[in-house]
Amino acid sequence: MPSPLQSNWRLYLAEPLSDAPPIPTVAFVYNVMDSLAHVAGARLFSDALPSHWPARFDFRVTPDEAIVDIAPGNGSAPRLAARALRAADAVLSPPWSEMFNGWSDAIVRLASQHAAVVEVPTADGAPGMSALATIDLPVDVASVEPLLLDTQTLDCPLLQRLDADPEALCFLLPSVRFSALSERLLRASA
């Protein structure tokens, strides 16, 4: 089955949750896919992949730029529109240069991950347990291409609500073979 367009919105955890393995972990905020079949499958068979189906999901890559346009319509998907230009050099500007020891270090830490967690609400909607998925996401750092965000084209209400710094670290990963290895619920913390 062909892979859908997918946009993962995640937070990087400084350390794994209790009862989780000590490996690099992200917390999923949103997972947007352009395939209703994939979204339905994820919602039915996975606690760890909070999936959303937008009204429109466009992603185009040209020799000069990459453009993404996610329109939620009446659904729960987030809004994102942005254009990023291909960069000649893989250079980290502040604040990224203060967080990482160069481009390769940033890509290894941001693109590579071994686990993902998401909060699983109870039937009444209250916070419940967390679901942990372990994954295999091998990234060829040499294949990652640097991009520069055109901040004039950025439309993302979530980032506006967070008052996030528009100095984004953008890159294009041309391809990756992703494998879900396991999924389990973690004990609720007291």
N, C-alpha and C. Protein backbone atom coordinates (compact mmCIF):
# COMPACT_ATOMS: atom_id res chain seq x y z
N MET A 1 0.85 -1.17 0.00
CA MET A 1 0.00 0.00 0.00
C MET A 1 0.89 1.23 0.00
N PRO A 2 0.68 2.18 -0.90
CA PRO A 2 1.54 3.36 -0.95
C PRO A 2 1.43 4.18 0.34
N SER A 3 2.51 4.84 0.66
CA SER A 3 2.55 5.67 1.86
C SER A 3 1.81 6.98 1.60
N PRO A 4 1.02 7.45 2.58
CA PRO A 4 0.32 8.72 2.41
C PRO A 4 1.25 9.90 2.68
N LEU A 5 0.83 11.10 2.28
CA LEU A 5 1.50 12.30 2.77
C LEU A 5 1.24 12.33 4.27
N GLN A 6 2.26 12.67 5.04
CA GLN A 6 2.13 12.65 6.49
C GLN A 6 2.92 13.80 7.08
N SER A 7 2.31 14.46 8.06
CA SER A 7 2.96 15.55 8.79
C SER A 7 2.86 15.23 10.27
N ASN A 8 4.00 15.00 10.90
CA ASN A 8 4.04 14.70 12.33
C ASN A 8 4.41 15.96 13.10
N TRP A 9 3.60 16.32 14.07
CA TRP A 9 3.84 17.46 14.94
C TRP A 9 4.21 16.89 16.29
N ARG A 10 5.39 17.19 16.77
CA ARG A 10 5.88 16.53 17.98
C ARG A 10 6.72 17.45 18.83
N LEU A 11 6.83 17.07 20.08
CA LEU A 11 7.69 17.75 21.04
C LEU A 11 8.79 16.77 21.44
N TYR A 12 9.98 17.26 21.63
CA TYR A 12 11.10 16.41 21.99
C TYR A 12 11.24 16.38 23.50
N LEU A 13 11.20 15.20 24.07
CA LEU A 13 11.29 15.05 25.51
C LEU A 13 12.75 15.07 25.96
N ALA A 14 13.03 15.80 27.02
CA ALA A 14 14.39 15.85 27.57
C ALA A 14 14.79 14.49 28.11
N GLU A 15 13.81 13.76 28.64
CA GLU A 15 14.06 12.40 29.12
C GLU A 15 12.79 11.59 28.94
N PRO A 16 12.91 10.27 28.81
CA PRO A 16 11.72 9.44 28.62
C PRO A 16 10.79 9.49 29.82
N LEU A 17 9.53 9.17 29.59
CA LEU A 17 8.57 9.06 30.68
C LEU A 17 8.95 7.90 31.59
N SER A 18 8.45 7.94 32.83
CA SER A 18 8.70 6.81 33.72
C SER A 18 8.03 5.58 33.11
N ASP A 19 8.60 4.44 33.31
CA ASP A 19 8.12 3.17 32.78
C ASP A 19 8.36 3.03 31.28
N ALA A 20 9.14 3.95 30.70
CA ALA A 20 9.47 3.87 29.27
C ALA A 20 10.96 3.57 29.14
N PRO A 21 11.38 2.96 28.03
CA PRO A 21 12.81 2.68 27.85
C PRO A 21 13.62 3.96 27.74
N PRO A 22 14.87 3.93 28.17
CA PRO A 22 15.73 5.12 28.12
C PRO A 22 16.30 5.37 26.73
N ILE A 23 15.44 5.74 25.79
CA ILE A 23 15.83 6.02 24.41
C ILE A 23 15.24 7.35 23.97
N PRO A 24 15.81 8.01 22.95
CA PRO A 24 15.26 9.29 22.48
C PRO A 24 13.78 9.15 22.13
N THR A 25 12.96 10.04 22.73
CA THR A 25 11.51 9.92 22.62
C THR A 25 10.89 11.27 22.27
N VAL A 26 9.84 11.22 21.46
CA VAL A 26 9.06 12.42 21.15
C VAL A 26 7.64 12.21 21.65
N ALA A 27 6.94 13.31 21.89
CA ALA A 27 5.52 13.27 22.23
C ALA A 27 4.76 13.77 21.02
N PHE A 28 3.87 12.94 20.49
CA PHE A 28 3.07 13.35 19.35
C PHE A 28 2.00 14.35 19.78
N VAL A 29 1.87 15.42 19.02
CA VAL A 29 0.83 16.41 19.21
C VAL A 29 -0.24 16.18 18.14
N TYR A 30 0.19 16.11 16.89
CA TYR A 30 -0.69 15.82 15.77
C TYR A 30 0.03 14.90 14.80
N ASN A 31 -0.74 14.11 14.11
CA ASN A 31 -0.25 13.35 12.97
C ASN A 31 -1.31 13.52 11.89
N VAL A 32 -0.94 14.15 10.80
CA VAL A 32 -1.88 14.47 9.73
C VAL A 32 -1.52 13.61 8.52
N MET A 33 -2.52 12.94 7.95
CA MET A 33 -2.31 12.12 6.75
C MET A 33 -3.39 12.45 5.73
N ASP A 34 -3.02 12.36 4.46
CA ASP A 34 -3.97 12.69 3.39
C ASP A 34 -4.81 11.49 2.96
N SER A 35 -4.72 10.39 3.66
CA SER A 35 -5.45 9.18 3.31
C SER A 35 -6.45 8.84 4.42
N LEU A 36 -7.73 8.86 4.08
CA LEU A 36 -8.75 8.51 5.06
C LEU A 36 -8.56 7.08 5.56
N ALA A 37 -8.17 6.17 4.68
CA ALA A 37 -7.96 4.77 5.09
C ALA A 37 -6.85 4.67 6.14
N HIS A 38 -5.75 5.40 5.95
CA HIS A 38 -4.65 5.37 6.92
C HIS A 38 -5.07 6.01 8.25
N VAL A 39 -5.79 7.12 8.18
CA VAL A 39 -6.25 7.78 9.41
C VAL A 39 -7.20 6.86 10.17
N ALA A 40 -8.14 6.26 9.46
CA ALA A 40 -9.09 5.36 10.12
C ALA A 40 -8.36 4.16 10.73
N GLY A 41 -7.40 3.60 10.00
CA GLY A 41 -6.63 2.47 10.52
C GLY A 41 -5.85 2.85 11.77
N ALA A 42 -5.23 4.03 11.75
CA ALA A 42 -4.45 4.48 12.91
C ALA A 42 -5.36 4.70 14.11
N ARG A 43 -6.53 5.27 13.87
CA ARG A 43 -7.46 5.52 14.98
C ARG A 43 -8.02 4.22 15.56
N LEU A 44 -8.24 3.24 14.70
CA LEU A 44 -8.79 1.96 15.17
C LEU A 44 -7.75 1.07 15.85
N PHE A 45 -6.52 1.07 15.32
CA PHE A 45 -5.55 0.07 15.75
C PHE A 45 -4.35 0.61 16.52
N SER A 46 -4.31 1.92 16.78
CA SER A 46 -3.16 2.48 17.47
C SER A 46 -3.58 3.52 18.51
N ASP A 47 -3.06 3.36 19.71
CA ASP A 47 -3.25 4.39 20.74
C ASP A 47 -2.19 5.47 20.61
N ALA A 48 -1.06 5.15 19.96
CA ALA A 48 0.10 6.04 19.96
C ALA A 48 0.17 6.98 18.76
N LEU A 49 -0.80 6.94 17.87
CA LEU A 49 -0.72 7.77 16.68
C LEU A 49 -2.01 8.57 16.52
N PRO A 50 -2.10 9.75 17.18
CA PRO A 50 -3.32 10.57 17.09
C PRO A 50 -3.44 11.18 15.69
N SER A 51 -4.22 10.54 14.84
CA SER A 51 -4.24 10.90 13.42
C SER A 51 -5.43 11.78 13.05
N HIS A 52 -5.18 12.67 12.09
CA HIS A 52 -6.18 13.62 11.63
C HIS A 52 -6.19 13.64 10.11
N TRP A 53 -7.37 13.83 9.54
CA TRP A 53 -7.54 13.88 8.09
C TRP A 53 -7.97 15.28 7.70
N PRO A 54 -7.12 16.02 6.99
CA PRO A 54 -7.48 17.40 6.62
C PRO A 54 -8.36 17.44 5.37
N ALA A 55 -8.96 18.59 5.15
CA ALA A 55 -9.74 18.79 3.93
C ALA A 55 -8.81 18.82 2.71
N ARG A 56 -7.60 19.37 2.92
CA ARG A 56 -6.62 19.44 1.82
C ARG A 56 -5.22 19.30 2.41
N PHE A 57 -4.37 18.55 1.71
CA PHE A 57 -2.98 18.38 2.11
C PHE A 57 -2.16 18.40 0.83
N ASP A 58 -1.44 19.47 0.63
CA ASP A 58 -0.61 19.62 -0.57
C ASP A 58 0.84 19.74 -0.13
N PHE A 59 1.70 18.95 -0.75
CA PHE A 59 3.14 19.04 -0.50
C PHE A 59 3.84 18.91 -1.83
N ARG A 60 4.59 19.94 -2.18
CA ARG A 60 5.31 19.96 -3.46
C ARG A 60 6.76 20.32 -3.24
N VAL A 61 7.63 19.63 -3.95
CA VAL A 61 9.06 19.93 -3.91
C VAL A 61 9.52 20.19 -5.34
N THR A 62 10.15 21.35 -5.54
CA THR A 62 10.71 21.71 -6.84
C THR A 62 12.22 21.87 -6.66
N PRO A 63 12.94 22.11 -7.73
CA PRO A 63 14.39 22.33 -7.57
C PRO A 63 14.73 23.54 -6.70
N ASP A 64 13.76 24.48 -6.51
CA ASP A 64 14.04 25.70 -5.76
C ASP A 64 13.40 25.77 -4.38
N GLU A 65 12.32 25.00 -4.17
CA GLU A 65 11.57 25.19 -2.94
C GLU A 65 10.76 23.95 -2.55
N ALA A 66 10.25 24.00 -1.33
CA ALA A 66 9.30 23.00 -0.84
C ALA A 66 8.12 23.78 -0.27
N ILE A 67 6.91 23.36 -0.62
CA ILE A 67 5.70 24.06 -0.20
C ILE A 67 4.77 23.05 0.46
N VAL A 68 4.24 23.43 1.61
CA VAL A 68 3.25 22.60 2.30
C VAL A 68 2.01 23.45 2.56
N ASP A 69 0.85 22.85 2.37
CA ASP A 69 -0.42 23.53 2.63
C ASP A 69 -1.40 22.51 3.19
N ILE A 70 -1.65 22.59 4.49
CA ILE A 70 -2.60 21.72 5.17
C ILE A 70 -3.78 22.58 5.60
N ALA A 71 -4.95 22.28 5.05
CA ALA A 71 -6.17 23.00 5.40
C ALA A 71 -7.08 22.05 6.17
N PRO A 72 -7.43 22.40 7.41
CA PRO A 72 -8.20 21.47 8.22
C PRO A 72 -9.64 21.27 7.79
N GLY A 73 -10.23 22.25 7.11
CA GLY A 73 -11.65 22.15 6.81
C GLY A 73 -12.42 22.15 8.13
N ASN A 74 -13.43 21.30 8.25
CA ASN A 74 -14.22 21.19 9.47
C ASN A 74 -13.67 20.16 10.44
N GLY A 75 -12.54 19.55 10.10
CA GLY A 75 -11.98 18.49 10.92
C GLY A 75 -11.06 19.00 12.01
N SER A 76 -10.34 18.08 12.62
CA SER A 76 -9.47 18.39 13.76
C SER A 76 -8.01 18.58 13.37
N ALA A 77 -7.68 18.51 12.09
CA ALA A 77 -6.29 18.69 11.66
C ALA A 77 -5.86 20.14 11.90
N PRO A 78 -4.59 20.36 12.15
CA PRO A 78 -4.09 21.72 12.33
C PRO A 78 -3.90 22.42 10.98
N ARG A 79 -3.85 23.73 10.99
CA ARG A 79 -3.59 24.54 9.79
C ARG A 79 -2.10 24.78 9.68
N LEU A 80 -1.56 24.57 8.49
CA LEU A 80 -0.16 24.89 8.22
C LEU A 80 0.00 25.23 6.75
N ALA A 81 0.56 26.40 6.49
CA ALA A 81 0.94 26.78 5.14
C ALA A 81 2.33 27.40 5.26
N ALA A 82 3.25 26.93 4.43
CA ALA A 82 4.61 27.46 4.48
C ALA A 82 5.34 27.15 3.18
N ARG A 83 6.32 27.98 2.92
CA ARG A 83 7.21 27.80 1.76
C ARG A 83 8.63 27.88 2.28
N ALA A 84 9.45 26.93 1.88
CA ALA A 84 10.86 26.93 2.28
C ALA A 84 11.72 26.84 1.03
N LEU A 85 12.73 27.67 0.99
CA LEU A 85 13.64 27.71 -0.15
C LEU A 85 14.81 26.77 0.08
N ARG A 86 15.29 26.18 -0.97
CA ARG A 86 16.47 25.32 -0.85
C ARG A 86 17.67 26.19 -0.47
N ALA A 87 18.45 25.74 0.48
CA ALA A 87 19.62 26.48 0.96
C ALA A 87 20.88 25.89 0.35
N ALA A 88 21.83 26.75 0.08
CA ALA A 88 23.09 26.28 -0.49
C ALA A 88 23.94 25.55 0.54
N ASP A 89 23.90 26.03 1.79
CA ASP A 89 24.74 25.45 2.83
C ASP A 89 23.92 25.01 4.02
N ALA A 90 24.39 23.97 4.66
CA ALA A 90 23.76 23.47 5.88
C ALA A 90 24.40 24.18 7.07
N VAL A 91 23.87 25.36 7.39
CA VAL A 91 24.42 26.17 8.47
C VAL A 91 23.33 26.39 9.52
N LEU A 92 23.71 26.26 10.77
CA LEU A 92 22.77 26.51 11.87
C LEU A 92 22.91 27.94 12.34
N SER A 93 21.78 28.64 12.38
CA SER A 93 21.79 29.99 12.92
C SER A 93 21.24 29.93 14.35
N PRO A 94 21.46 31.00 15.13
CA PRO A 94 20.88 31.02 16.48
C PRO A 94 19.35 30.97 16.36
N PRO A 95 18.67 30.31 17.25
CA PRO A 95 19.13 29.68 18.48
C PRO A 95 19.62 28.25 18.29
N TRP A 96 19.50 27.71 17.07
CA TRP A 96 19.87 26.32 16.82
C TRP A 96 21.36 26.06 17.02
N SER A 97 22.19 27.02 16.65
CA SER A 97 23.65 26.83 16.81
C SER A 97 24.05 26.74 18.27
N GLU A 98 23.19 27.26 19.17
CA GLU A 98 23.46 27.18 20.60
C GLU A 98 22.99 25.85 21.19
N MET A 99 22.11 25.15 20.49
CA MET A 99 21.55 23.89 20.98
C MET A 99 22.29 22.66 20.48
N PHE A 100 22.89 22.77 19.31
CA PHE A 100 23.49 21.60 18.66
C PHE A 100 24.94 21.87 18.28
N ASN A 101 25.70 20.80 18.16
CA ASN A 101 27.11 20.88 17.74
C ASN A 101 27.21 20.69 16.23
N GLY A 102 26.56 21.57 15.48
CA GLY A 102 26.63 21.52 14.02
C GLY A 102 25.41 20.86 13.39
N TRP A 103 25.36 20.94 12.07
CA TRP A 103 24.25 20.45 11.27
C TRP A 103 23.98 18.96 11.48
N SER A 104 25.01 18.14 11.40
CA SER A 104 24.83 16.69 11.54
C SER A 104 24.25 16.34 12.89
N ASP A 105 24.72 16.99 13.95
CA ASP A 105 24.20 16.73 15.29
C ASP A 105 22.72 17.09 15.36
N ALA A 106 22.34 18.21 14.78
CA ALA A 106 20.93 18.64 14.79
C ALA A 106 20.06 17.63 14.05
N ILE A 107 20.50 17.18 12.90
CA ILE A 107 19.70 16.25 12.10
C ILE A 107 19.58 14.91 12.81
N VAL A 108 20.67 14.42 13.36
CA VAL A 108 20.61 13.14 14.07
C VAL A 108 19.64 13.23 15.23
N ARG A 109 19.67 14.32 15.98
CA ARG A 109 18.82 14.44 17.16
C ARG A 109 17.37 14.77 16.82
N LEU A 110 17.12 15.51 15.73
CA LEU A 110 15.76 15.91 15.39
C LEU A 110 15.05 14.91 14.46
N ALA A 111 15.77 14.35 13.52
CA ALA A 111 15.14 13.44 12.56
C ALA A 111 15.11 12.01 13.06
N SER A 112 16.09 11.63 13.84
CA SER A 112 16.13 10.26 14.34
C SER A 112 15.41 10.19 15.67
N GLN A 113 14.60 9.20 15.83
CA GLN A 113 13.93 8.98 17.10
C GLN A 113 13.70 7.48 17.24
N HIS A 114 13.53 7.03 18.46
CA HIS A 114 13.36 5.60 18.69
C HIS A 114 12.03 5.27 19.34
N ALA A 115 11.35 6.29 19.86
CA ALA A 115 10.07 6.06 20.51
C ALA A 115 9.21 7.31 20.44
N ALA A 116 7.91 7.09 20.54
CA ALA A 116 6.95 8.19 20.59
C ALA A 116 5.91 7.88 21.64
N VAL A 117 5.47 8.92 22.34
CA VAL A 117 4.42 8.76 23.34
C VAL A 117 3.29 9.74 23.04
N VAL A 118 2.11 9.37 23.52
CA VAL A 118 0.96 10.25 23.41
C VAL A 118 0.03 9.94 24.58
N GLU A 119 -0.61 10.98 25.07
CA GLU A 119 -1.57 10.78 26.16
C GLU A 119 -2.83 10.13 25.59
N VAL A 120 -3.33 9.12 26.30
CA VAL A 120 -4.54 8.43 25.89
C VAL A 120 -5.64 8.82 26.88
N PRO A 121 -6.63 9.59 26.44
CA PRO A 121 -7.68 10.02 27.37
C PRO A 121 -8.58 8.84 27.76
N THR A 122 -9.20 8.98 28.91
CA THR A 122 -10.16 7.98 29.36
C THR A 122 -11.48 8.19 28.63
N ALA A 123 -12.44 7.30 28.85
CA ALA A 123 -13.73 7.38 28.17
C ALA A 123 -14.45 8.70 28.46
N ASP A 124 -14.22 9.28 29.64
CA ASP A 124 -14.87 10.55 29.98
C ASP A 124 -14.07 11.77 29.52
N GLY A 125 -12.96 11.52 28.79
CA GLY A 125 -12.16 12.61 28.26
C GLY A 125 -11.07 13.12 29.19
N ALA A 126 -11.02 12.58 30.40
CA ALA A 126 -9.99 12.99 31.36
C ALA A 126 -8.64 12.38 30.97
N PRO A 127 -7.54 13.01 31.41
CA PRO A 127 -6.23 12.42 31.12
C PRO A 127 -6.16 11.01 31.67
N GLY A 128 -5.54 10.15 30.92
CA GLY A 128 -5.44 8.75 31.34
C GLY A 128 -4.01 8.28 31.32
N MET A 129 -3.76 7.24 30.60
CA MET A 129 -2.43 6.65 30.50
C MET A 129 -1.72 7.25 29.29
N SER A 130 -0.50 6.82 29.10
CA SER A 130 0.25 7.19 27.91
C SER A 130 0.50 5.94 27.09
N ALA A 131 0.45 6.09 25.77
CA ALA A 131 0.79 4.99 24.87
C ALA A 131 2.20 5.23 24.38
N LEU A 132 3.00 4.18 24.35
CA LEU A 132 4.38 4.25 23.88
C LEU A 132 4.52 3.37 22.65
N ALA A 133 5.05 3.94 21.58
CA ALA A 133 5.36 3.18 20.38
C ALA A 133 6.88 3.22 20.19
N THR A 134 7.49 2.07 20.01
CA THR A 134 8.91 2.05 19.64
C THR A 134 8.97 1.90 18.13
N ILE A 135 9.94 2.58 17.54
CA ILE A 135 10.00 2.68 16.09
C ILE A 135 11.43 2.53 15.59
N ASP A 136 11.55 2.24 14.31
CA ASP A 136 12.83 2.23 13.63
C ASP A 136 12.74 3.29 12.54
N LEU A 137 13.53 4.34 12.68
CA LEU A 137 13.51 5.46 11.75
C LEU A 137 14.94 5.81 11.37
N PRO A 138 15.56 4.98 10.52
CA PRO A 138 16.94 5.25 10.14
C PRO A 138 17.04 6.44 9.19
N VAL A 139 17.89 7.38 9.53
CA VAL A 139 18.04 8.59 8.72
C VAL A 139 19.46 8.65 8.18
N ASP A 140 19.58 8.78 6.86
CA ASP A 140 20.87 9.00 6.22
C ASP A 140 21.14 10.51 6.27
N VAL A 141 21.95 10.93 7.24
CA VAL A 141 22.20 12.36 7.46
C VAL A 141 22.72 13.04 6.19
N ALA A 142 23.53 12.34 5.41
CA ALA A 142 24.09 12.93 4.19
C ALA A 142 23.02 13.24 3.15
N SER A 143 21.87 12.57 3.21
CA SER A 143 20.81 12.81 2.23
C SER A 143 19.89 13.98 2.61
N VAL A 144 19.99 14.47 3.83
CA VAL A 144 19.11 15.54 4.31
C VAL A 144 19.53 16.87 3.68
N GLU A 145 18.55 17.57 3.13
CA GLU A 145 18.83 18.82 2.42
C GLU A 145 18.36 20.01 3.25
N PRO A 146 19.20 21.04 3.42
CA PRO A 146 18.80 22.22 4.21
C PRO A 146 17.82 23.10 3.44
N LEU A 147 16.89 23.68 4.19
CA LEU A 147 15.91 24.61 3.65
C LEU A 147 15.87 25.86 4.51
N LEU A 148 15.42 26.97 3.93
CA LEU A 148 15.23 28.23 4.67
C LEU A 148 13.77 28.62 4.59
N LEU A 149 13.12 28.78 5.74
CA LEU A 149 11.71 29.13 5.78
C LEU A 149 11.50 30.56 5.31
N ASP A 150 10.54 30.74 4.41
CA ASP A 150 10.09 32.06 4.01
C ASP A 150 9.01 32.46 5.03
N THR A 151 9.39 33.24 6.05
CA THR A 151 8.47 33.54 7.15
C THR A 151 7.25 34.33 6.69
N GLN A 152 7.33 34.99 5.54
CA GLN A 152 6.18 35.74 5.03
C GLN A 152 5.05 34.81 4.60
N THR A 153 5.38 33.55 4.32
CA THR A 153 4.36 32.59 3.86
C THR A 153 3.82 31.72 4.99
N LEU A 154 4.37 31.83 6.18
CA LEU A 154 3.99 30.95 7.29
C LEU A 154 2.60 31.30 7.83
N ASP A 155 1.73 30.31 7.84
CA ASP A 155 0.39 30.44 8.43
C ASP A 155 0.17 29.21 9.29
N CYS A 156 0.29 29.38 10.60
CA CYS A 156 0.13 28.27 11.54
C CYS A 156 -0.40 28.82 12.86
N PRO A 157 -1.71 28.75 13.06
CA PRO A 157 -2.29 29.28 14.31
C PRO A 157 -1.71 28.68 15.58
N LEU A 158 -1.32 27.40 15.55
CA LEU A 158 -0.73 26.79 16.74
C LEU A 158 0.56 27.49 17.13
N LEU A 159 1.42 27.77 16.17
CA LEU A 159 2.67 28.49 16.47
C LEU A 159 2.37 29.90 16.95
N GLN A 160 1.35 30.55 16.39
CA GLN A 160 0.99 31.89 16.84
C GLN A 160 0.51 31.87 18.28
N ARG A 161 -0.28 30.85 18.66
CA ARG A 161 -0.75 30.74 20.05
C ARG A 161 0.41 30.48 21.00
N LEU A 162 1.41 29.75 20.54
CA LEU A 162 2.57 29.45 21.38
C LEU A 162 3.56 30.60 21.40
N ASP A 163 3.32 31.62 20.57
CA ASP A 163 4.24 32.74 20.43
C ASP A 163 5.65 32.22 20.11
N ALA A 164 5.69 31.26 19.18
CA ALA A 164 6.95 30.60 18.84
C ALA A 164 7.84 31.52 17.99
N ASP A 165 9.13 31.36 18.16
CA ASP A 165 10.11 32.08 17.37
C ASP A 165 10.02 31.60 15.92
N PRO A 166 9.87 32.51 14.95
CA PRO A 166 9.74 32.08 13.56
C PRO A 166 11.05 31.57 12.95
N GLU A 167 12.15 31.62 13.69
CA GLU A 167 13.42 31.13 13.15
C GLU A 167 13.40 29.60 13.19
N ALA A 168 12.84 29.02 12.14
CA ALA A 168 12.67 27.57 12.09
C ALA A 168 13.91 26.89 11.52
N LEU A 169 14.13 25.70 11.97
CA LEU A 169 15.15 24.84 11.38
C LEU A 169 14.42 23.93 10.41
N CYS A 170 14.62 24.14 9.13
CA CYS A 170 13.90 23.40 8.10
C CYS A 170 14.86 22.52 7.31
N PHE A 171 14.38 21.34 7.00
CA PHE A 171 15.18 20.44 6.17
C PHE A 171 14.25 19.49 5.45
N LEU A 172 14.76 18.90 4.38
CA LEU A 172 14.02 17.95 3.57
C LEU A 172 14.71 16.61 3.66
N LEU A 173 13.96 15.62 4.09
CA LEU A 173 14.45 14.24 4.13
C LEU A 173 13.80 13.54 2.94
N PRO A 174 14.55 13.30 1.85
CA PRO A 174 13.94 12.79 0.62
C PRO A 174 13.20 11.47 0.77
N SER A 175 13.70 10.59 1.59
CA SER A 175 13.00 9.32 1.82
C SER A 175 13.53 8.65 3.08
N VAL A 176 12.68 7.83 3.67
CA VAL A 176 13.07 7.07 4.85
C VAL A 176 12.14 5.86 4.96
N ARG A 177 12.68 4.77 5.40
CA ARG A 177 11.87 3.57 5.65
C ARG A 177 11.55 3.55 7.14
N PHE A 178 10.30 3.77 7.45
CA PHE A 178 9.83 3.85 8.82
C PHE A 178 9.18 2.52 9.19
N SER A 179 9.50 2.01 10.37
CA SER A 179 8.87 0.78 10.84
C SER A 179 8.40 0.97 12.28
N ALA A 180 7.15 0.61 12.53
CA ALA A 180 6.63 0.57 13.90
C ALA A 180 6.99 -0.80 14.46
N LEU A 181 7.68 -0.81 15.60
CA LEU A 181 8.15 -2.06 16.18
C LEU A 181 7.21 -2.61 17.24
N SER A 182 6.71 -1.73 18.10
CA SER A 182 5.82 -2.19 19.17
C SER A 182 5.00 -1.01 19.68
N GLU A 183 3.95 -1.34 20.42
CA GLU A 183 3.13 -0.32 21.07
C GLU A 183 2.58 -0.92 22.35
N ARG A 184 2.59 -0.10 23.42
CA ARG A 184 2.03 -0.56 24.70
C ARG A 184 1.60 0.64 25.51
N LEU A 185 0.72 0.40 26.46
CA LEU A 185 0.29 1.44 27.38
C LEU A 185 1.26 1.47 28.56
N LEU A 186 1.59 2.68 29.01
CA LEU A 186 2.44 2.85 30.19
C LEU A 186 1.57 3.01 31.42
N ARG A 187 2.09 2.62 32.54
CA ARG A 187 1.34 2.79 33.79
C ARG A 187 1.10 4.28 34.03
N ALA A 188 -0.04 4.59 34.55
CA ALA A 188 -0.36 5.97 34.90
C ALA A 188 0.51 6.40 36.07
N SER A 189 1.06 7.61 36.00
CA SER A 189 1.90 8.08 37.09
C SER A 189 1.03 8.57 38.23
N ALA A 190 1.52 8.38 39.45
CA ALA A 190 0.74 8.75 40.63
C ALA A 190 0.99 10.18 41.00
